[in-house]
Structure formats: C-alpha cells, structure tokens
Amino acid sequence: MLDEDPTHGEQDGEELLRRALLDESSSVAVSLKISGLPVSEAVTVIFHGRRDLGTLQTYVAYGSMGAGSRVAASELLRVPCDLDLAEADDRSEAERLYAEQAKALRDALVGADTVLDVWREPLDELSDGGVTINHSVELSIRLPAARLMPTALVAADRQLVVTPVCSARTLAEGRPPMGIACAQPDLTRVYPLADDPERCVEDFLQLAAQHAKTLSERLRSLEQEHILSRQAYAEIPPRVEYSLTEKGRALLSLIESMREYGQRWL
C-alpha cells in the first residue's frame, strides 16, 4: 500500500498535495514509504516541488521515515523520474494522477530491488571477500546512467559495484526504463533488468579482462616511447604507478591546443 506522510507540520498528505497543486507560492513535500524490500529493506520516496515548477521532483532516501522526520540533503538521492501533475484541473484529478504515478514508481523500485536480490548469488560466488550492501547516496564509481535507489551491491575485492539505474522521464509516461549497472573504476556496462545475472556477470568479467589487456598494451607502448615511467611496488596485492616523463609532460600543451581547436572549429 502507498503511505503518504507530511514532512512538516500537522497537515496530512492530501492537504500538502493540494497546496503543491493549487498554491504557486507554496513549496511542499509528500512522502511515500516502501517496505518489505529484499535488499534495501525499506526506502522513503519524497516528492518535492511547487505548482509553478510544473513537476514535483523525486528523491529517494534509505529507510522508513515517519511524519516529521528530518532528512539531510546528503541522505537524498535525486532520481530523474518526477511527478507530472500539470494536467490536473482540480483536486480529484490531481489525486488520481498522483496515485497512478506514485504506483508506477513504487512498482519500479520493488522490481529493481527484487532483481538486485537475484544478483547476490552470482556475486557471492565471484567475490572471495563477500558482497556487502552500500546505501550511500554517492558512490566512488561513476555510472553511465542515473541511479534509481540508494542501494548497491559491492564486491570490494573485485572493485565491482552493482546497482539499479534508470532513464530520465516523468512518471506521467509510466514506469521508467531501468537496468542494472555493473561498474569498476574504469569500466561500466548496463544490462537490461530482465537479463540473467549469472550471464551478465560472466559477460562483464570477459569485458573487464579484455579492457585490462588493452590498457596494459597501451601503457606498455607509452612506456616504450618514454612518455610514461613505471614504478612497481612489492606489495600484496601488487601495485604499479605510472607518471608522465619530461617528454610526456611536453605533450600536455599540444593536447590542450588540440582541445581548444576542436571546441572552436569542430
């Protein structure tokens, strides 16, 4: 079920929604709690905005937050799937649109979290150190698409992060297109939500191996050309650092000139 909670004062969710729709000077929020998730356990969706903005922006926070709860900005994940209630002419129509669009987002979150739970088994088999769950809003790895929820599976020994992502669209268009992103510091790939996780993990590992081979060949070539210098450290796991040589640093001004030329003329 959809639970509506005000985020300030004693007014109920319907009154806050009415103010957001009818009072252009009012900035309000309506929340939706989703519990019973297999990986996230519970999340709270916060729709925030004003009528003059046209849409209510969507944020997702980890955990179940009740009425009057204070939420720090650092706890809110901005999800680019906003409520679009601009077509509502009256309160009844606004409530109908809200119910439809909130349900679409709820279904998306439940579906993504359920699929993420299926990913745990192949990741556990892959990771010697075990898989942990990260609820941070910010991840150390850049992703090619927006995150859908502040939940990620992390295989630290593989530097691998797996998390649901989505395309930007209003909820008036229905459930957003979703996928599962597999990411390492220098490699990312998004798989369709319905794909078999075991096959996806195998595919990503093959891509990672090929990427590592290609990167190693490029670094070796730059080292042979005396553009990079290589420093190996006798550590476990082994660590190697590359740095620009004098010859390599001399190329920086040329690269910058090419960038400026491209911005101006291409």
Foldseek 3Di string as FASTA:
>chain_A
DWDKAWQDDDDTQLVQLQCQQPPQVDKGKIKTKDAPQPFLRIKIWIFIDHNVVQWTWIWIFGDGDHHNDDDDPQRTAGAQAIQGQNPDPDSVSSVVSCVQLVVLLNVLVNLQSVLQVLLQVLLQVVAPVHKDKFQGNDDPADAPAGFSHSIWIARPVVQKIKGKGFHRDYSVVGRTQIFIWIDHRVDIDTHGSPDNSNVVVVVVVVVVVVVVVVVVVVVVVCVVVQQKDKDWDPDVVTDIDIDGDPVNVVCPVVVVVVVVCVVVPD
